[in-house]
């Protein structure tokens, strides 16, 4: 089935952009909230949860701005997931903008998963 792109924005508590980048842009930071463990070899990231693991290719990143991955099973597609730091103009606060792809029947489940992951990040990092 065809996946469609969607985005979710999460406003964050006051945090420095460097702290936020270390949380989303480094293996150690990602292992604090996104997965139980993260290992990297070249541009391939292995994310582990309990006894399962999933591989993703780092497509692109820009320090203090965004990181973009593509799951191994999506390698021959245009599908990716991206975590982007944005500055909210009105409040001056930082936010994370998540861009991902899902089949229509799985979109609400994936949004709930992102909500849980971001809540986990907030609890573990205080952001």
Protein backbone atom coordinates (compact mmCIF):
# COMPACT_ATOMS: atom_id res chain seq x y z
CA UNK A 1 0.00 0.00 0.00
CA UNK A 2 1.00 3.58 -0.59
CA UNK A 3 2.22 5.63 2.33
CA UNK A 4 1.48 9.32 2.70
CA UNK A 5 3.56 11.98 4.37
CA UNK A 6 2.47 13.62 7.61
CA UNK A 7 4.03 16.02 10.10
CA UNK A 8 3.57 16.60 13.82
CA UNK A 9 4.90 19.56 15.79
CA UNK A 10 5.84 19.29 19.47
CA UNK A 11 6.47 22.49 21.41
CA UNK A 12 9.21 22.04 24.00
CA UNK A 13 10.11 23.55 27.33
CA UNK A 14 12.96 26.01 27.30
CA UNK A 15 16.07 24.18 26.16
CA UNK A 16 19.22 25.18 24.43
CA UNK A 17 19.50 24.19 20.80
CA UNK A 18 22.75 22.33 21.59
CA UNK A 19 21.09 20.19 24.27
CA UNK A 20 18.19 19.47 21.94
CA UNK A 21 20.55 18.54 19.10
CA UNK A 22 22.46 16.14 21.35
CA UNK A 23 19.11 14.51 22.20
CA UNK A 24 18.02 13.95 18.58
CA UNK A 25 21.26 13.99 16.61
CA UNK A 26 23.56 11.62 18.48
CA UNK A 27 23.35 7.87 19.09
CA UNK A 28 23.64 8.38 22.85
CA UNK A 29 20.87 10.97 22.81
CA UNK A 30 18.58 8.79 20.69
CA UNK A 31 19.20 5.85 23.04
CA UNK A 32 17.85 7.97 25.93
CA UNK A 33 14.35 8.25 24.47
CA UNK A 34 13.86 6.88 20.94
CA UNK A 35 15.21 3.34 21.37
CA UNK A 36 16.67 1.15 24.08
CA UNK A 37 19.97 1.11 22.22
CA UNK A 38 21.54 2.70 19.16
CA UNK A 39 24.67 1.57 17.37
CA UNK A 40 26.22 3.17 14.31
CA UNK A 41 28.48 1.82 11.60
CA UNK A 42 29.25 4.31 8.85
CA UNK A 43 25.82 5.76 8.02
CA UNK A 44 23.79 2.74 9.18
CA UNK A 45 22.03 3.02 12.51
CA UNK A 46 20.73 -0.03 14.35
CA UNK A 47 17.91 0.78 16.77
CA UNK A 48 17.02 -1.86 19.36
CA UNK A 49 13.87 -2.21 21.45
CA UNK A 50 13.66 -5.11 23.90
CA UNK A 51 14.71 -8.06 21.69
CA UNK A 52 13.92 -6.54 18.31
CA UNK A 53 16.08 -4.35 16.14
CA UNK A 54 15.57 -2.23 13.07
CA UNK A 55 18.13 -0.70 10.74
CA UNK A 56 17.98 2.76 9.23
CA UNK A 57 20.26 4.66 6.90
CA UNK A 58 21.22 8.20 7.82
CA UNK A 59 20.20 10.13 4.71
CA UNK A 60 21.08 13.62 5.81
CA UNK A 61 21.69 15.77 8.85
CA UNK A 62 22.63 19.32 9.65
CA UNK A 63 23.95 20.05 13.12
CA UNK A 64 21.44 21.90 15.32
CA UNK A 65 18.81 21.68 12.57
CA UNK A 66 17.60 18.19 11.53
CA UNK A 67 18.35 14.51 11.11
CA UNK A 68 16.72 12.32 8.44
CA UNK A 69 16.65 8.52 8.31
CA UNK A 70 15.25 5.89 6.01
CA UNK A 71 14.24 2.49 7.36
CA UNK A 72 16.02 -0.38 5.62
CA UNK A 73 12.73 -1.82 4.28
CA UNK A 74 11.96 1.53 2.60
CA UNK A 75 15.30 1.73 0.80
CA UNK A 76 13.84 1.69 -2.72
CA UNK A 77 11.24 4.37 -1.93
CA UNK A 78 11.11 8.07 -1.15
CA UNK A 79 9.88 7.34 2.41
CA UNK A 80 11.90 8.68 5.35
CA UNK A 81 11.47 10.02 8.85
CA UNK A 82 12.90 13.32 9.95
CA UNK A 83 13.29 15.08 13.27
CA UNK A 84 13.73 18.83 12.77
CA UNK A 85 14.38 21.58 15.32
CA UNK A 86 12.29 24.66 14.61
CA UNK A 87 12.11 28.04 16.30
CA UNK A 88 8.55 29.19 16.89
CA UNK A 89 8.44 32.82 15.76
CA UNK A 90 5.66 34.05 18.05
CA UNK A 91 6.93 32.59 21.33
CA UNK A 92 10.62 32.15 20.56
CA UNK A 93 10.40 28.59 21.93
CA UNK A 94 11.92 25.56 20.28
CA UNK A 95 9.84 22.77 18.83
CA UNK A 96 10.43 19.47 17.12
CA UNK A 97 8.81 18.89 13.77
CA UNK A 98 8.48 15.19 12.99
CA UNK A 99 7.93 14.18 9.37
CA UNK A 100 7.09 10.55 8.66
CA UNK A 101 5.19 8.35 6.23
CA UNK A 102 2.42 5.85 6.93
CA UNK A 103 -0.30 3.88 5.23
CA UNK A 104 -3.68 5.47 5.94
CA UNK A 105 -4.74 2.51 8.11
CA UNK A 106 -1.58 2.85 10.26
CA UNK A 107 -1.31 6.63 10.50
CA UNK A 108 -3.14 7.07 13.82
CA UNK A 109 -1.05 4.29 15.42
CA UNK A 110 2.17 5.89 14.21
CA UNK A 111 1.09 9.29 15.53
CA UNK A 112 0.36 7.69 18.92
CA UNK A 113 3.82 6.08 18.83
CA UNK A 114 5.48 9.44 18.12
CA UNK A 115 3.44 11.03 20.91
CA UNK A 116 4.69 8.33 23.29
CA UNK A 117 8.29 8.70 22.13
CA UNK A 118 8.26 12.48 22.56
CA UNK A 119 6.65 12.14 25.99
CA UNK A 120 9.41 9.67 26.87
CA UNK A 121 12.00 12.21 25.69
CA UNK A 122 10.42 14.91 27.84
CA UNK A 123 10.40 12.68 30.92
CA UNK A 124 13.97 11.45 30.52
CA UNK A 125 15.61 14.72 29.48
CA UNK A 126 13.43 17.39 31.06
CA UNK A 127 13.03 19.13 27.72
